[in-house]
Amino acid sequence: MCIDANAAARHQARQEYLRKEAEYGSQSLKYWNRETSAKRGMELAARGFSSQLSNDYQRALYTAGQARSQYEAGYAKWLKSKGSVDEGGRARRRTTGALELLRAKGALQNAVQNEFGANMQRRYRSRLIKMQGIQAQTRESLGIRPEYGAPVLMPPSDRLSGALSIASQGLSLWNASSSIRTGIGNWLSPTTDVVSPTTNLLTSDFLSGTNFVSDLVPYTTNPLGIDSSLTNPFSFEYYNLNNQ
């Protein structure tokens, strides 16, 4: 099986994918927890807004009830102040109190109208702005959703480069072993050393440095020309020569 040249890059991509998944899961869990708190905050703000509107309406109704009670008390007082029954004729006194009663009734009606009209609208806008401010702060504390980001790309497997690398290493080892075998073979094989005429005492070139008798005396390690069979202890000639 060939070695994958991109094995390290693929392993790094797997590690990056696992790290990205773990980080995204952690950020998602934190966001979900904040979302739960934000939802409760939104509901609490809406409930407070509704409760305040109900209180304002109850206040307006109470004001209207007080106005009607005051009108009722004023009307009863006015009837008692007349002291006579209205028979449809002209009044005997200059003032009967009807004008003051009418003015009081108008003032009470204006108070009730303002309580259910402009005052109610002003309170409503104030409550609405307060609720929207609380909801905006709650939404800001929630933050944005976690982003996964760009996907992690997995590099393709490259076994061809691995095979070529193994082949190159094998060829390098083969060349190295061939060089070692050649060196060992040259060291073990016998060689003939040539003796320079200027260093051979048996030639006249030792003194003159010339080479005119080089054809007469071979410049080898055996300048006397003795047969190798006479110097080999394992040969028959050497045995016969020593037994004479």
Protein backbone atom coordinates (compact mmCIF):
# COMPACT_ATOMS: atom_id res chain seq x y z
CA MET A 1 0.00 0.00 0.00
CA CYS A 2 1.47 3.32 -1.08
CA ILE A 3 1.97 6.10 1.41
CA ASP A 4 -0.39 9.07 1.10
CA ALA A 5 1.66 12.23 0.57
CA ASN A 6 -1.21 14.37 1.95
CA ALA A 7 -1.71 12.29 5.09
CA ALA A 8 -0.43 15.06 7.37
CA ALA A 9 -2.61 17.70 5.68
CA ARG A 10 -5.69 15.44 5.88
CA HIS A 11 -5.06 14.74 9.57
CA GLN A 12 -4.73 18.47 10.23
CA ALA A 13 -8.01 19.08 8.36
CA ARG A 14 -9.77 16.49 10.54
CA GLN A 15 -8.43 18.15 13.70
CA GLU A 16 -9.57 21.57 12.46
CA TYR A 17 -13.04 20.17 11.71
CA LEU A 18 -13.37 18.67 15.20
CA ARG A 19 -12.18 21.91 16.81
CA LYS A 20 -14.63 23.95 14.72
CA GLU A 21 -17.54 21.66 15.61
CA ALA A 22 -16.73 21.80 19.34
CA GLU A 23 -16.41 25.59 19.33
CA TYR A 24 -19.65 26.03 17.37
CA GLY A 25 -21.52 23.70 19.74
CA SER A 26 -20.24 25.60 22.78
CA GLN A 27 -21.19 28.99 21.34
CA SER A 28 -24.63 27.66 20.32
CA LEU A 29 -25.31 26.38 23.84
CA LYS A 30 -24.36 29.76 25.34
CA TYR A 31 -26.62 31.54 22.86
CA TRP A 32 -29.55 29.25 23.67
CA ASN A 33 -29.13 30.01 27.38
CA ARG A 34 -29.07 33.75 26.69
CA GLU A 35 -32.09 33.35 24.41
CA THR A 36 -34.09 31.79 27.24
CA SER A 37 -33.24 34.70 29.54
CA ALA A 38 -34.04 37.21 26.79
CA LYS A 39 -37.42 35.61 26.18
CA ARG A 40 -38.30 35.88 29.86
CA GLY A 41 -37.15 39.52 29.84
CA MET A 42 -39.35 40.29 26.82
CA GLU A 43 -42.37 38.68 28.43
CA LEU A 44 -41.73 40.49 31.70
CA ALA A 45 -41.52 43.86 29.91
CA ALA A 46 -44.77 43.17 28.02
CA ARG A 47 -46.51 42.08 31.21
CA GLY A 48 -45.40 45.24 32.98
CA PHE A 49 -46.62 47.38 30.08
CA SER A 50 -50.03 45.72 30.13
CA SER A 51 -50.26 46.06 33.89
CA GLN A 52 -49.45 49.78 33.74
CA LEU A 53 -52.08 50.36 31.05
CA SER A 54 -54.65 48.62 33.21
CA ASN A 55 -53.68 50.78 36.16
CA ASP A 56 -54.02 53.94 34.05
CA TYR A 57 -57.47 52.87 32.87
CA GLN A 58 -58.49 52.08 36.43
CA ARG A 59 -57.30 55.53 37.46
CA ALA A 60 -59.40 57.14 34.73
CA LEU A 61 -62.46 55.17 35.82
CA TYR A 62 -61.89 56.22 39.41
CA THR A 63 -61.64 59.86 38.32
CA ALA A 64 -64.89 59.53 36.37
CA GLY A 65 -66.59 57.95 39.39
CA GLN A 66 -65.42 60.77 41.66
CA ALA A 67 -66.71 63.33 39.17
CA ARG A 68 -70.15 61.72 39.08
CA SER A 69 -70.24 61.54 42.89
CA GLN A 70 -69.40 65.24 43.14
CA TYR A 71 -72.05 66.11 40.59
CA GLU A 72 -74.59 64.03 42.48
CA ALA A 73 -73.73 65.78 45.74
CA GLY A 74 -73.93 69.20 44.10
CA TYR A 75 -77.25 68.45 42.48
CA ALA A 76 -78.72 67.29 45.80
CA LYS A 77 -77.44 70.39 47.52
CA TRP A 78 -78.94 72.55 44.81
CA LEU A 79 -82.34 70.92 45.25
CA LYS A 80 -82.25 71.52 48.98
CA SER A 81 -81.27 75.15 48.48
CA LYS A 82 -84.36 75.91 46.39
CA GLY A 83 -86.75 75.51 49.30
CA SER A 84 -89.81 75.32 47.02
CA VAL A 85 -91.21 73.27 44.22
CA ASP A 86 -90.79 74.48 40.69
CA GLU A 87 -94.30 75.10 39.46
CA GLY A 88 -93.25 76.39 36.08
CA GLY A 89 -93.56 80.08 36.84
CA ARG A 90 -90.95 82.75 37.24
CA ALA A 91 -88.47 82.51 40.06
CA ARG A 92 -89.06 84.78 42.99
CA ARG A 93 -85.32 85.08 43.79
CA ARG A 94 -82.61 86.62 41.62
CA THR A 95 -80.35 83.50 41.66
CA THR A 96 -81.42 79.93 42.10
CA GLY A 97 -77.96 78.16 41.94
CA ALA A 98 -78.63 76.47 38.61
CA LEU A 99 -75.79 78.35 36.92
CA GLU A 100 -73.24 77.25 39.54
CA LEU A 101 -74.46 73.67 39.21
CA LEU A 102 -74.02 73.84 35.45
CA ARG A 103 -70.50 75.16 35.79
CA ALA A 104 -69.58 72.43 38.24
CA LYS A 105 -71.00 69.81 35.91
CA GLY A 106 -68.93 71.15 32.99
CA ALA A 107 -65.73 71.12 35.06
CA LEU A 108 -66.32 67.53 36.10
CA GLN A 109 -67.00 66.44 32.55
CA ASN A 110 -63.85 68.15 31.34
CA ALA A 111 -61.80 66.38 34.01
CA VAL A 112 -63.21 62.99 32.99
CA GLN A 113 -62.65 63.72 29.31
CA ASN A 114 -59.05 64.74 29.90
CA GLU A 115 -58.44 61.64 32.01
CA PHE A 116 -59.68 59.33 29.28
CA GLY A 117 -58.26 61.43 26.43
CA ALA A 118 -55.01 63.39 26.55
CA ASN A 119 -53.82 62.11 29.91
CA MET A 120 -54.49 58.51 28.91
CA GLN A 121 -52.62 58.95 25.63
CA ARG A 122 -49.67 60.63 27.35
CA ARG A 123 -49.37 57.82 29.85
CA TYR A 124 -49.71 55.23 27.12
CA ARG A 125 -46.82 56.71 25.11
CA SER A 126 -44.66 56.89 28.23
CA ARG A 127 -45.34 53.24 29.08
CA LEU A 128 -44.71 52.16 25.49
CA ILE A 129 -41.34 53.94 25.26
CA LYS A 130 -40.27 52.42 28.56
CA MET A 131 -41.23 48.91 27.42
CA GLN A 132 -39.43 49.32 24.08
CA GLY A 133 -36.29 50.51 25.88
CA ILE A 134 -36.29 47.45 28.14
CA GLN A 135 -36.85 45.15 25.17
CA ALA A 136 -34.01 46.81 23.24
CA GLN A 137 -31.62 46.29 26.16
CA THR A 138 -32.73 42.68 26.45
CA ARG A 139 -32.17 42.08 22.73
CA GLU A 140 -28.75 43.70 22.91
CA SER A 141 -27.73 41.45 25.78
CA LEU A 142 -28.78 38.44 23.70
CA GLY A 143 -26.21 39.17 20.99
CA ILE A 144 -26.05 37.61 17.55
CA ARG A 145 -26.31 33.99 16.60
CA PRO A 146 -23.05 32.02 16.48
CA GLU A 147 -21.67 31.63 12.98
CA TYR A 148 -20.13 28.38 11.79
CA GLY A 149 -17.90 30.13 9.29
CA ALA A 150 -16.28 28.68 6.19
CA PRO A 151 -16.32 24.89 5.91
CA VAL A 152 -13.11 22.94 6.43
CA LEU A 153 -11.84 21.57 3.12
CA MET A 154 -10.40 18.05 3.09
CA PRO A 155 -7.29 17.74 0.87
CA PRO A 156 -7.41 14.84 -1.62
CA SER A 157 -5.27 11.77 -1.12
CA ASP A 158 -2.03 11.73 -3.13
CA ARG A 159 -0.65 8.19 -3.30
CA LEU A 160 1.16 8.71 -6.61
CA SER A 161 3.62 11.12 -5.03
CA GLY A 162 4.14 8.64 -2.20
CA ALA A 163 4.90 5.84 -4.64
CA LEU A 164 7.35 8.05 -6.57
CA SER A 165 9.04 9.03 -3.31
CA ILE A 166 9.47 5.38 -2.30
CA ALA A 167 10.85 4.54 -5.75
CA SER A 168 13.30 7.45 -5.54
CA GLN A 169 14.51 6.31 -2.12
CA GLY A 170 14.92 2.74 -3.37
CA LEU A 171 16.93 3.93 -6.36
CA SER A 172 19.16 6.01 -4.09
CA LEU A 173 19.78 3.00 -1.83
CA TRP A 174 20.58 0.85 -4.86
CA ASN A 175 23.12 3.37 -6.16
CA ALA A 176 24.70 3.62 -2.72
CA SER A 177 24.97 -0.18 -2.39
CA SER A 178 26.45 -0.43 -5.90
CA SER A 179 29.13 2.11 -4.99
CA ILE A 180 29.94 0.17 -1.80
CA ARG A 181 30.19 -3.14 -3.68
CA THR A 182 32.48 -1.60 -6.28
CA GLY A 183 34.77 -0.16 -3.62
CA ILE A 184 35.00 -3.49 -1.75
CA GLY A 185 35.72 -5.34 -5.02
CA ASN A 186 38.55 -2.98 -5.95
CA TRP A 187 40.06 -3.36 -2.49
CA LEU A 188 39.99 -7.18 -2.65
CA SER A 189 41.25 -7.56 -6.26
CA PRO A 190 45.14 -7.85 -6.74
CA THR A 191 46.91 -5.01 -8.49
CA THR A 192 50.38 -4.77 -10.09
CA ASP A 193 52.44 -1.88 -8.85
CA VAL A 194 54.78 -0.40 -11.43
CA VAL A 195 58.24 0.49 -10.14
CA SER A 196 59.59 3.77 -11.40
CA PRO A 197 62.97 3.46 -13.18
CA THR A 198 64.33 6.29 -11.11
CA THR A 199 63.74 4.35 -7.88
CA ASN A 200 64.91 0.89 -9.14
CA LEU A 201 68.50 0.21 -8.10
CA LEU A 202 68.92 -2.43 -10.84
CA THR A 203 68.51 0.05 -13.67
CA SER A 204 70.88 2.68 -14.86
CA ASP A 205 68.04 5.17 -14.84
CA PHE A 206 68.41 5.47 -11.09
CA LEU A 207 71.46 7.65 -11.61
CA SER A 208 70.77 9.31 -14.92
CA GLY A 209 67.03 9.51 -14.80
CA THR A 210 66.83 8.25 -18.44
CA ASN A 211 64.66 5.40 -19.67
CA PHE A 212 66.81 3.78 -22.38
CA VAL A 213 66.93 0.34 -20.67
CA SER A 214 63.25 0.26 -19.77
CA ASP A 215 62.66 -2.37 -22.45
CA LEU A 216 65.36 -4.65 -20.95
CA VAL A 217 64.20 -4.67 -17.35
CA PRO A 218 60.42 -4.61 -16.69
CA TYR A 219 59.43 -2.15 -13.99
CA THR A 220 57.40 -4.44 -11.77
CA THR A 221 57.52 -5.63 -8.20
CA ASN A 222 59.70 -8.58 -9.41
CA PRO A 223 62.72 -6.88 -11.03
CA LEU A 224 64.80 -10.15 -11.15
CA GLY A 225 62.19 -11.93 -13.21
CA ILE A 226 61.92 -14.93 -10.87
CA ASP A 227 59.15 -17.34 -11.72
CA SER A 228 56.32 -17.21 -9.22
CA SER A 229 56.20 -21.05 -9.10
CA LEU A 230 59.66 -21.08 -7.52
CA THR A 231 58.54 -18.78 -4.69
CA ASN A 232 55.20 -20.46 -4.02
CA PRO A 233 55.55 -22.95 -1.14
CA PHE A 234 52.60 -24.95 -2.41
CA SER A 235 54.03 -25.60 -5.92
CA PHE A 236 56.02 -28.69 -7.02
CA GLU A 237 58.95 -26.64 -8.35
CA TYR A 238 59.39 -25.00 -4.93
CA TYR A 239 59.28 -28.45 -3.27
CA ASN A 240 61.82 -29.99 -5.72
CA LEU A 241 64.12 -26.97 -5.44
CA ASN A 242 64.31 -27.18 -1.66
CA ASN A 243 64.83 -30.96 -1.65
CA GLN A 244 67.89 -30.93 -3.90
